[in-house]
């Protein structure tokens, strides 16, 4: 029951801030009258124009990459909702850094050059760097400078925010754990992985609420209002318990919660879906985190 979450603030917060800053810079240049007309301008001013043009191209490329990934995720798999919550914490940073690097290769993709010509009245955009293949691994993932991006701190901040959201549901989670014979930590972990503690969350597949329950499952569980935290947590916990009992272990129970019991039967265990395998690992990490904090 995991999902490609809509409007999750953690996944793209840093990218959005960077993009907003670039748009503000672009608007500032326009407001100062620097975008129209052919005129002589100082080299420092041209450098500003070049930076703004390359920044706009990087932002465009980053948005394009997001849309492409979204389309690929929506086409993967033959199950009702294999996609897991969000992307990994650093994925957004990776994409933005990659887009920045590509905008600085030669004259960029061409967008920056066109913008620069418009800004300067026809001047050519100078090449500022060559593509550095050593900055990328064989799979094409950018090697981030961890001196500038502290992944541990980012994860801590994100997990802290999720834990804070979940704290308001502690009584509901404890009640559901007691009535369904589950450890509260596993319920918290599933909620964290499914919705990041957002009770009004809706996935692209149609899963809803804290534990991301599909309409058909909600009907089977007798849930009348899937966005009601009480019903959602009780119903989701009951379904999770049923899956764990059915397959005899937590790992396959979690996999069934994510990919459906039919796929566990079909493959005789956790199915070979990257999303489901990643989901099981993610939930187990959350379980460990919540058990440690209790």
C-alpha atoms as a PDB file:
ATOM      1  CA  UNK A   1       0.000   0.000   0.000  1.00  0.00           C
ATOM      2  CA  UNK A   2       2.909   2.319  -0.486  1.00  0.00           C
ATOM      3  CA  UNK A   3       2.790   5.110  -3.025  1.00  0.00           C
ATOM      4  CA  UNK A   4       4.446   7.820  -5.092  1.00  0.00           C
ATOM      5  CA  UNK A   5       3.330  10.572  -2.771  1.00  0.00           C
ATOM      6  CA  UNK A   6       1.827  13.815  -4.037  1.00  0.00           C
ATOM      7  CA  UNK A   7       2.934  17.081  -2.433  1.00  0.00           C
ATOM      8  CA  UNK A   8       5.397  15.550   0.040  1.00  0.00           C
ATOM      9  CA  UNK A   9       7.370  18.457   1.454  1.00  0.00           C
ATOM     10  CA  UNK A  10      10.542  16.514   2.307  1.00  0.00           C
ATOM     11  CA  UNK A  11      11.340  15.107  -1.092  1.00  0.00           C
ATOM     12  CA  UNK A  12      11.608  18.390  -3.030  1.00  0.00           C
ATOM     13  CA  UNK A  13      11.949  21.118  -0.429  1.00  0.00           C
ATOM     14  CA  UNK A  14      15.586  21.897  -1.221  1.00  0.00           C
ATOM     15  CA  UNK A  15      14.998  21.823  -4.991  1.00  0.00           C
ATOM     16  CA  UNK A  16      11.971  24.095  -4.715  1.00  0.00           C
ATOM     17  CA  UNK A  17      13.906  26.613  -2.645  1.00  0.00           C
ATOM     18  CA  UNK A  18      16.712  26.657  -5.211  1.00  0.00           C
ATOM     19  CA  UNK A  19      14.281  26.984  -8.111  1.00  0.00           C
ATOM     20  CA  UNK A  20      12.373  29.778  -6.387  1.00  0.00           C
ATOM     21  CA  UNK A  21      15.629  31.641  -5.818  1.00  0.00           C
ATOM     22  CA  UNK A  22      16.501  31.322  -9.493  1.00  0.00           C
ATOM     23  CA  UNK A  23      13.088  32.571 -10.601  1.00  0.00           C
ATOM     24  CA  UNK A  24      13.373  35.490  -8.191  1.00  0.00           C
ATOM     25  CA  UNK A  25      16.784  36.352  -9.657  1.00  0.00           C
ATOM     26  CA  UNK A  26      15.344  36.184 -13.164  1.00  0.00           C
ATOM     27  CA  UNK A  27      12.458  38.452 -12.146  1.00  0.00           C
ATOM     28  CA  UNK A  28      14.911  40.880 -10.532  1.00  0.00           C
ATOM     29  CA  UNK A  29      16.874  41.172 -13.749  1.00  0.00           C
ATOM     30  CA  UNK A  30      13.681  41.816 -15.668  1.00  0.00           C
ATOM     31  CA  UNK A  31      12.544  44.391 -13.138  1.00  0.00           C
ATOM     32  CA  UNK A  32      15.831  46.254 -13.482  1.00  0.00           C
ATOM     33  CA  UNK A  33      15.336  46.464 -17.218  1.00  0.00           C
ATOM     34  CA  UNK A  34      18.319  44.269 -18.016  1.00  0.00           C
ATOM     35  CA  UNK A  35      16.499  41.787 -20.205  1.00  0.00           C
ATOM     36  CA  UNK A  36      15.514  43.965 -23.175  1.00  0.00           C
ATOM     37  CA  UNK A  37      17.450  45.841 -25.778  1.00  0.00           C
ATOM     38  CA  UNK A  38      20.905  45.670 -27.341  1.00  0.00           C
ATOM     39  CA  UNK A  39      23.446  47.673 -25.377  1.00  0.00           C
ATOM     40  CA  UNK A  40      26.977  47.488 -24.129  1.00  0.00           C
ATOM     41  CA  UNK A  41      27.218  46.077 -20.634  1.00  0.00           C
ATOM     42  CA  UNK A  42      30.075  45.450 -18.207  1.00  0.00           C
ATOM     43  CA  UNK A  43      31.639  42.005 -18.036  1.00  0.00           C
ATOM     44  CA  UNK A  44      30.402  41.578 -14.450  1.00  0.00           C
ATOM     45  CA  UNK A  45      26.854  42.171 -15.618  1.00  0.00           C
ATOM     46  CA  UNK A  46      27.260  39.675 -18.452  1.00  0.00           C
ATOM     47  CA  UNK A  47      28.504  37.141 -15.922  1.00  0.00           C
ATOM     48  CA  UNK A  48      25.285  37.678 -13.957  1.00  0.00           C
ATOM     49  CA  UNK A  49      23.271  37.099 -17.133  1.00  0.00           C
ATOM     50  CA  UNK A  50      25.194  33.920 -17.899  1.00  0.00           C
ATOM     51  CA  UNK A  51      24.653  32.613 -14.365  1.00  0.00           C
ATOM     52  CA  UNK A  52      20.924  33.357 -14.549  1.00  0.00           C
ATOM     53  CA  UNK A  53      20.626  31.697 -17.974  1.00  0.00           C
ATOM     54  CA  UNK A  54      22.463  28.557 -16.870  1.00  0.00           C
ATOM     55  CA  UNK A  55      20.462  28.466 -13.657  1.00  0.00           C
ATOM     56  CA  UNK A  56      17.212  28.578 -15.621  1.00  0.00           C
ATOM     57  CA  UNK A  57      18.415  25.743 -17.874  1.00  0.00           C
ATOM     58  CA  UNK A  58      19.398  23.653 -14.844  1.00  0.00           C
ATOM     59  CA  UNK A  59      15.972  24.245 -13.294  1.00  0.00           C
ATOM     60  CA  UNK A  60      14.263  23.219 -16.543  1.00  0.00           C
ATOM     61  CA  UNK A  61      16.379  20.056 -16.814  1.00  0.00           C
ATOM     62  CA  UNK A  62      15.669  19.160 -13.189  1.00  0.00           C
ATOM     63  CA  UNK A  63      11.904  19.529 -13.721  1.00  0.00           C
ATOM     64  CA  UNK A  64      12.151  17.447 -16.908  1.00  0.00           C
ATOM     65  CA  UNK A  65      13.968  14.671 -15.014  1.00  0.00           C
ATOM     66  CA  UNK A  66      11.257  14.679 -12.337  1.00  0.00           C
ATOM     67  CA  UNK A  67       8.505  14.274 -14.942  1.00  0.00           C
ATOM     68  CA  UNK A  68      10.391  11.477 -16.690  1.00  0.00           C
ATOM     69  CA  UNK A  69      10.892   9.589 -13.422  1.00  0.00           C
ATOM     70  CA  UNK A  70       7.237  10.057 -12.535  1.00  0.00           C
ATOM     71  CA  UNK A  71       6.158   8.623 -15.886  1.00  0.00           C
ATOM     72  CA  UNK A  72       8.463   5.616 -15.542  1.00  0.00           C
ATOM     73  CA  UNK A  73       7.215   4.863 -12.026  1.00  0.00           C
ATOM     74  CA  UNK A  74       3.589   4.970 -13.185  1.00  0.00           C
ATOM     75  CA  UNK A  75       4.320   2.356 -15.857  1.00  0.00           C
ATOM     76  CA  UNK A  76       6.253  -0.116 -13.708  1.00  0.00           C
ATOM     77  CA  UNK A  77       4.780  -3.343 -12.428  1.00  0.00           C
ATOM     78  CA  UNK A  78       1.473  -5.146 -12.882  1.00  0.00           C
ATOM     79  CA  UNK A  79       0.180  -4.662  -9.336  1.00  0.00           C
ATOM     80  CA  UNK A  80      -2.196  -2.055  -8.020  1.00  0.00           C
ATOM     81  CA  UNK A  81       0.320   0.031  -6.087  1.00  0.00           C
ATOM     82  CA  UNK A  82       3.949  -0.942  -6.048  1.00  0.00           C
ATOM     83  CA  UNK A  83       5.410   2.550  -5.851  1.00  0.00           C
ATOM     84  CA  UNK A  84       6.880   3.399  -2.483  1.00  0.00           C
ATOM     85  CA  UNK A  85       6.729   6.597  -0.497  1.00  0.00           C
ATOM     86  CA  UNK A  86       8.674   9.390  -2.095  1.00  0.00           C
ATOM     87  CA  UNK A  87      12.252   9.044  -3.237  1.00  0.00           C
ATOM     88  CA  UNK A  88      15.299   8.556  -1.132  1.00  0.00           C
ATOM     89  CA  UNK A  89      16.185  11.646   0.858  1.00  0.00           C
ATOM     90  CA  UNK A  90      19.125  12.624  -1.326  1.00  0.00           C
ATOM     91  CA  UNK A  91      17.564  11.880  -4.703  1.00  0.00           C
ATOM     92  CA  UNK A  92      16.382  15.451  -5.150  1.00  0.00           C
ATOM     93  CA  UNK A  93      19.804  16.805  -4.330  1.00  0.00           C
ATOM     94  CA  UNK A  94      21.375  14.363  -6.759  1.00  0.00           C
ATOM     95  CA  UNK A  95      19.066  15.429  -9.565  1.00  0.00           C
ATOM     96  CA  UNK A  96      19.639  19.117  -8.950  1.00  0.00           C
ATOM     97  CA  UNK A  97      23.410  18.701  -8.811  1.00  0.00           C
ATOM     98  CA  UNK A  98      23.326  16.665 -12.025  1.00  0.00           C
ATOM     99  CA  UNK A  99      21.211  19.326 -13.735  1.00  0.00           C
ATOM    100  CA  UNK A 100      23.639  22.029 -12.603  1.00  0.00           C
ATOM    101  CA  UNK A 101      26.585  20.039 -13.962  1.00  0.00           C
ATOM    102  CA  UNK A 102      24.908  19.467 -17.318  1.00  0.00           C
ATOM    103  CA  UNK A 103      24.065  23.174 -17.691  1.00  0.00           C
ATOM    104  CA  UNK A 104      27.791  23.937 -17.363  1.00  0.00           C
ATOM    105  CA  UNK A 105      28.995  21.455 -19.972  1.00  0.00           C
ATOM    106  CA  UNK A 106      30.142  23.535 -22.935  1.00  0.00           C
ATOM    107  CA  UNK A 107      27.286  25.915 -23.630  1.00  0.00           C
ATOM    108  CA  UNK A 108      24.721  23.732 -21.926  1.00  0.00           C
ATOM    109  CA  UNK A 109      21.819  22.106 -23.742  1.00  0.00           C
ATOM    110  CA  UNK A 110      21.136  25.235 -25.781  1.00  0.00           C
ATOM    111  CA  UNK A 111      18.446  26.766 -23.605  1.00  0.00           C
ATOM    112  CA  UNK A 112      20.937  28.815 -21.602  1.00  0.00           C
ATOM    113  CA  UNK A 113      22.590  30.079 -24.764  1.00  0.00           C
ATOM    114  CA  UNK A 114      19.280  31.246 -26.236  1.00  0.00           C
ATOM    115  CA  UNK A 115      18.357  33.004 -23.005  1.00  0.00           C
ATOM    116  CA  UNK A 116      21.798  34.634 -22.778  1.00  0.00           C
ATOM    117  CA  UNK A 117      21.511  35.942 -26.325  1.00  0.00           C
ATOM    118  CA  UNK A 118      18.121  37.417 -25.481  1.00  0.00           C
ATOM    119  CA  UNK A 119      19.420  39.014 -22.295  1.00  0.00           C
ATOM    120  CA  UNK A 120      22.505  40.501 -23.897  1.00  0.00           C
ATOM    121  CA  UNK A 121      21.105  41.368 -27.289  1.00  0.00           C
ATOM    122  CA  UNK A 122      22.909  38.662 -29.236  1.00  0.00           C
ATOM    123  CA  UNK A 123      26.173  37.877 -27.444  1.00  0.00           C
ATOM    124  CA  UNK A 124      27.479  34.307 -27.446  1.00  0.00           C
ATOM    125  CA  UNK A 125      27.529  32.306 -24.224  1.00  0.00           C
ATOM    126  CA  UNK A 126      31.069  31.231 -23.385  1.00  0.00           C
ATOM    127  CA  UNK A 127      31.897  27.650 -22.433  1.00  0.00           C
ATOM    128  CA  UNK A 128      32.918  27.469 -18.796  1.00  0.00           C
ATOM    129  CA  UNK A 129      33.776  23.827 -18.218  1.00  0.00           C
ATOM    130  CA  UNK A 130      34.107  20.426 -19.796  1.00  0.00           C
ATOM    131  CA  UNK A 131      32.194  17.384 -18.685  1.00  0.00           C
ATOM    132  CA  UNK A 132      34.063  15.629 -15.865  1.00  0.00           C
ATOM    133  CA  UNK A 133      33.313  11.913 -16.154  1.00  0.00           C
ATOM    134  CA  UNK A 134      35.087  11.261 -12.844  1.00  0.00           C
ATOM    135  CA  UNK A 135      32.260  13.055 -11.066  1.00  0.00           C
ATOM    136  CA  UNK A 136      29.880  10.228 -11.996  1.00  0.00           C
ATOM    137  CA  UNK A 137      29.757   6.553 -11.229  1.00  0.00           C
ATOM    138  CA  UNK A 138      29.228   3.899 -13.966  1.00  0.00           C
ATOM    139  CA  UNK A 139      25.460   4.067 -13.460  1.00  0.00           C
ATOM    140  CA  UNK A 140      25.458   7.807 -14.038  1.00  0.00           C
ATOM    141  CA  UNK A 141      24.758   8.932 -10.484  1.00  0.00           C
ATOM    142  CA  UNK A 142      26.460  12.141  -9.462  1.00  0.00           C
ATOM    143  CA  UNK A 143      28.944  11.821  -6.622  1.00  0.00           C
ATOM    144  CA  UNK A 144      27.831  14.510  -4.212  1.00  0.00           C
ATOM    145  CA  UNK A 145      30.245  16.521  -2.112  1.00  0.00           C
ATOM    146  CA  UNK A 146      29.214  15.363   1.335  1.00  0.00           C
ATOM    147  CA  UNK A 147      31.128  18.269   2.864  1.00  0.00           C
ATOM    148  CA  UNK A 148      28.393  20.480   1.488  1.00  0.00           C
ATOM    149  CA  UNK A 149      25.497  18.043   1.900  1.00  0.00           C
ATOM    150  CA  UNK A 150      25.314  16.282   5.249  1.00  0.00           C
ATOM    151  CA  UNK A 151      23.104  13.283   4.467  1.00  0.00           C
ATOM    152  CA  UNK A 152      23.057  12.132   8.084  1.00  0.00           C
ATOM    153  CA  UNK A 153      21.765  15.488   9.243  1.00  0.00           C
ATOM    154  CA  UNK A 154      19.157  15.574   6.465  1.00  0.00           C
ATOM    155  CA  UNK A 155      17.897  12.120   7.442  1.00  0.00           C
ATOM    156  CA  UNK A 156      17.837  13.067  11.113  1.00  0.00           C
ATOM    157  CA  UNK A 157      15.831  16.206  10.404  1.00  0.00           C
ATOM    158  CA  UNK A 158      13.387  14.300   8.220  1.00  0.00           C
ATOM    159  CA  UNK A 159      12.949  11.470  10.714  1.00  0.00           C
ATOM    160  CA  UNK A 160      12.491  13.983  13.498  1.00  0.00           C
ATOM    161  CA  UNK A 161       9.687  15.663  11.569  1.00  0.00           C
ATOM    162  CA  UNK A 162       7.977  12.325  10.887  1.00  0.00           C
ATOM    163  CA  UNK A 163       8.278  11.295  14.546  1.00  0.00           C
ATOM    164  CA  UNK A 164       6.785  14.610  15.599  1.00  0.00           C
ATOM    165  CA  UNK A 165       3.802  14.079  13.303  1.00  0.00           C
ATOM    166  CA  UNK A 166       3.277  10.541  14.558  1.00  0.00           C
ATOM    167  CA  UNK A 167       3.391  11.588  18.217  1.00  0.00           C
ATOM    168  CA  UNK A 168      -0.136  12.986  17.983  1.00  0.00           C
ATOM    169  CA  UNK A 169      -1.392   9.498  17.102  1.00  0.00           C
ATOM    170  CA  UNK A 170       0.430   7.636  19.875  1.00  0.00           C
ATOM    171  CA  UNK A 171      -2.751   6.684  21.750  1.00  0.00           C
ATOM    172  CA  UNK A 172      -4.472   5.485  18.558  1.00  0.00           C
ATOM    173  CA  UNK A 173      -1.409   3.490  17.545  1.00  0.00           C
ATOM    174  CA  UNK A 174      -1.065   1.890  20.988  1.00  0.00           C
ATOM    175  CA  UNK A 175      -4.760   0.953  20.994  1.00  0.00           C
ATOM    176  CA  UNK A 176      -4.505  -0.555  17.515  1.00  0.00           C
ATOM    177  CA  UNK A 177      -1.357  -2.434  18.500  1.00  0.00           C
ATOM    178  CA  UNK A 178      -3.044  -3.854  21.577  1.00  0.00           C
ATOM    179  CA  UNK A 179      -6.233  -4.914  19.806  1.00  0.00           C
ATOM    180  CA  UNK A 180      -4.374  -6.507  16.883  1.00  0.00           C
ATOM    181  CA  UNK A 181      -1.450  -8.065  18.724  1.00  0.00           C
ATOM    182  CA  UNK A 182       1.219  -5.919  17.078  1.00  0.00           C
ATOM    183  CA  UNK A 183       4.223  -4.008  18.339  1.00  0.00           C
ATOM    184  CA  UNK A 184       3.436  -0.253  18.160  1.00  0.00           C
ATOM    185  CA  UNK A 185       6.786   0.295  16.417  1.00  0.00           C
ATOM    186  CA  UNK A 186       5.736  -1.686  13.344  1.00  0.00           C
ATOM    187  CA  UNK A 187       2.544   0.350  12.977  1.00  0.00           C
ATOM    188  CA  UNK A 188       4.514   3.582  13.324  1.00  0.00           C
ATOM    189  CA  UNK A 189       7.036   2.309  10.786  1.00  0.00           C
ATOM    190  CA  UNK A 190       4.374   1.493   8.205  1.00  0.00           C
ATOM    191  CA  UNK A 191       2.726   4.897   8.677  1.00  0.00           C
ATOM    192  CA  UNK A 192       6.101   6.617   8.323  1.00  0.00           C
ATOM    193  CA  UNK A 193       6.899   4.758   5.100  1.00  0.00           C
ATOM    194  CA  UNK A 194       3.403   5.073   3.681  1.00  0.00           C
ATOM    195  CA  UNK A 195       2.378   8.674   4.374  1.00  0.00           C
ATOM    196  CA  UNK A 196       5.082  10.304   6.517  1.00  0.00           C
ATOM    197  CA  UNK A 197       2.345  10.819   9.101  1.00  0.00           C
ATOM    198  CA  UNK A 198      -0.007  12.826   6.864  1.00  0.00           C
ATOM    199  CA  UNK A 199      -3.605  11.778   7.470  1.00  0.00           C
ATOM    200  CA  UNK A 200      -4.930  13.377   4.252  1.00  0.00           C
ATOM    201  CA  UNK A 201      -2.296  11.811   1.999  1.00  0.00           C
ATOM    202  CA  UNK A 202      -3.492  10.395  -1.321  1.00  0.00           C
ATOM    203  CA  UNK A 203      -1.251   8.416  -3.667  1.00  0.00           C
ATOM    204  CA  UNK A 204      -1.331   8.426  -7.454  1.00  0.00           C
ATOM    205  CA  UNK A 205      -2.752   4.883  -7.219  1.00  0.00           C
ATOM    206  CA  UNK A 206      -5.594   6.061  -4.968  1.00  0.00           C
ATOM    207  CA  UNK A 207      -4.341   4.781  -1.613  1.00  0.00           C
ATOM    208  CA  UNK A 208      -5.490   7.059   1.191  1.00  0.00           C
ATOM    209  CA  UNK A 209      -4.778   8.185   4.700  1.00  0.00           C
ATOM    210  CA  UNK A 210      -2.061   7.455   7.230  1.00  0.00           C
ATOM    211  CA  UNK A 211      -1.630   3.796   6.295  1.00  0.00           C
ATOM    212  CA  UNK A 212      -2.467   4.298   2.612  1.00  0.00           C
ATOM    213  CA  UNK A 213      -5.488   2.035   2.289  1.00  0.00           C
ATOM    214  CA  UNK A 214      -7.075   1.365  -1.095  1.00  0.00           C
ATOM    215  CA  UNK A 215     -10.844   1.816  -1.411  1.00  0.00           C
ATOM    216  CA  UNK A 216     -11.463  -1.895  -2.011  1.00  0.00           C
ATOM    217  CA  UNK A 217      -9.475  -2.873   1.053  1.00  0.00           C
ATOM    218  CA  UNK A 218     -11.191  -0.206   3.124  1.00  0.00           C
ATOM    219  CA  UNK A 219     -14.566  -1.657   2.147  1.00  0.00           C
ATOM    220  CA  UNK A 220     -13.463  -5.165   3.123  1.00  0.00           C
ATOM    221  CA  UNK A 221     -12.261  -3.836   6.493  1.00  0.00           C
ATOM    222  CA  UNK A 222     -15.517  -1.977   7.126  1.00  0.00           C
ATOM    223  CA  UNK A 223     -13.860   1.447   7.085  1.00  0.00           C
ATOM    224  CA  UNK A 224     -16.403   4.185   6.438  1.00  0.00           C
ATOM    225  CA  UNK A 225     -14.063   7.187   6.419  1.00  0.00           C
ATOM    226  CA  UNK A 226     -10.563   6.217   5.343  1.00  0.00           C
ATOM    227  CA  UNK A 227      -9.205   9.659   6.276  1.00  0.00           C
ATOM    228  CA  UNK A 228     -10.362   9.274   9.870  1.00  0.00           C
ATOM    229  CA  UNK A 229      -7.160   8.475  11.802  1.00  0.00           C
ATOM    230  CA  UNK A 230      -8.971   6.122  14.177  1.00  0.00           C
ATOM    231  CA  UNK A 231     -10.510   4.029  11.404  1.00  0.00           C
ATOM    232  CA  UNK A 232      -7.435   4.183   9.201  1.00  0.00           C
ATOM    233  CA  UNK A 233      -4.978   3.061  11.877  1.00  0.00           C
ATOM    234  CA  UNK A 234      -7.282   0.355  13.232  1.00  0.00           C
ATOM    235  CA  UNK A 235      -8.131  -0.943   9.760  1.00  0.00           C
ATOM    236  CA  UNK A 236      -4.583  -0.732   8.453  1.00  0.00           C
ATOM    237  CA  UNK A 237      -3.230  -2.487  11.546  1.00  0.00           C
ATOM    238  CA  UNK A 238      -5.794  -5.255  11.201  1.00  0.00           C
ATOM    239  CA  UNK A 239      -4.876  -5.788   7.558  1.00  0.00           C
ATOM    240  CA  UNK A 240      -1.158  -5.748   8.381  1.00  0.00           C
ATOM    241  CA  UNK A 241      -1.675  -8.323  11.122  1.00  0.00           C
ATOM    242  CA  UNK A 242      -3.663 -10.508   8.732  1.00  0.00           C
ATOM    243  CA  UNK A 243      -0.806 -10.410   6.196  1.00  0.00           C
ATOM    244  CA  UNK A 244       1.832 -11.234   8.819  1.00  0.00           C
ATOM    245  CA  UNK A 245      -0.235 -14.134  10.148  1.00  0.00           C
ATOM    246  CA  UNK A 246      -1.007 -15.389   6.647  1.00  0.00           C
ATOM    247  CA  UNK A 247       2.633 -15.592   5.573  1.00  0.00           C
ATOM    248  CA  UNK A 248       4.150 -16.325   8.969  1.00  0.00           C
ATOM    249  CA  UNK A 249       6.789 -13.586   9.122  1.00  0.00           C
ATOM    250  CA  UNK A 250       7.116  -9.809   9.182  1.00  0.00           C
ATOM    251  CA  UNK A 251       9.099  -9.468   5.946  1.00  0.00           C
ATOM    252  CA  UNK A 252       6.566 -11.244   3.765  1.00  0.00           C
ATOM    253  CA  UNK A 253       3.732  -9.598   5.689  1.00  0.00           C
ATOM    254  CA  UNK A 254       5.147  -6.173   4.838  1.00  0.00           C
ATOM    255  CA  UNK A 255       5.689  -7.216   1.236  1.00  0.00           C
ATOM    256  CA  UNK A 256       2.058  -8.336   1.033  1.00  0.00           C
ATOM    257  CA  UNK A 257       0.912  -5.035   2.541  1.00  0.00           C
ATOM    258  CA  UNK A 258       2.805  -3.248  -0.214  1.00  0.00           C
ATOM    259  CA  UNK A 259       2.364  -5.448  -3.286  1.00  0.00           C
ATOM    260  CA  UNK A 260      -0.675  -7.533  -2.388  1.00  0.00           C
ATOM    261  CA  UNK A 261      -0.983 -11.075  -1.031  1.00  0.00           C
ATOM    262  CA  UNK A 262      -1.456 -12.469  -4.538  1.00  0.00           C
ATOM    263  CA  UNK A 263       2.067 -11.487  -5.515  1.00  0.00           C
ATOM    264  CA  UNK A 264       3.546 -13.200  -2.452  1.00  0.00           C
ATOM    265  CA  UNK A 265       1.704 -16.377  -3.419  1.00  0.00           C
ATOM    266  CA  UNK A 266       2.752 -16.002  -7.032  1.00  0.00           C
ATOM    267  CA  UNK A 267       6.465 -15.684  -6.287  1.00  0.00           C
ATOM    268  CA  UNK A 268       6.582 -17.839  -3.180  1.00  0.00           C
ATOM    269  CA  UNK A 269       7.913 -15.000  -1.054  1.00  0.00           C
ATOM    270  CA  UNK A 270       8.887 -11.367  -1.443  1.00  0.00           C
ATOM    271  CA  UNK A 271       8.375 -10.591  -5.144  1.00  0.00           C
ATOM    272  CA  UNK A 272      11.283  -9.374  -7.294  1.00  0.00           C
ATOM    273  CA  UNK A 273       9.898  -5.860  -7.465  1.00  0.00           C
ATOM    274  CA  UNK A 274      12.524  -3.236  -6.563  1.00  0.00           C
ATOM    275  CA  UNK A 275       9.853  -1.036  -5.004  1.00  0.00           C
ATOM    276  CA  UNK A 276       8.583  -3.796  -2.732  1.00  0.00           C
ATOM    277  CA  UNK A 277      12.047  -4.938  -1.726  1.00  0.00           C
ATOM    278  CA  UNK A 278      13.004  -1.334  -0.965  1.00  0.00           C
ATOM    279  CA  UNK A 279       9.756  -0.879   0.965  1.00  0.00           C
ATOM    280  CA  UNK A 280      10.436  -3.852   3.259  1.00  0.00           C
ATOM    281  CA  UNK A 281      13.936  -2.583   4.021  1.00  0.00           C
ATOM    282  CA  UNK A 282      12.657   0.933   4.652  1.00  0.00           C
ATOM    283  CA  UNK A 283       9.946  -0.175   7.072  1.00  0.00           C
ATOM    284  CA  UNK A 284      12.392  -2.363   8.980  1.00  0.00           C
ATOM    285  CA  UNK A 285      14.757   0.586   9.364  1.00  0.00           C
ATOM    286  CA  UNK A 286      11.880   2.629  10.746  1.00  0.00           C
ATOM    287  CA  UNK A 287      10.992  -0.197  13.141  1.00  0.00           C
ATOM    288  CA  UNK A 288      14.531  -0.158  14.473  1.00  0.00           C
ATOM    289  CA  UNK A 289      14.463   3.620  14.790  1.00  0.00           C
ATOM    290  CA  UNK A 290      11.193   3.673  16.725  1.00  0.00           C
ATOM    291  CA  UNK A 291      12.207   0.797  18.985  1.00  0.00           C
ATOM    292  CA  UNK A 292      15.457   2.583  19.813  1.00  0.00           C
ATOM    293  CA  UNK A 293      13.655   5.827  20.632  1.00  0.00           C
ATOM    294  CA  UNK A 294      11.105   4.192  22.948  1.00  0.00           C
END
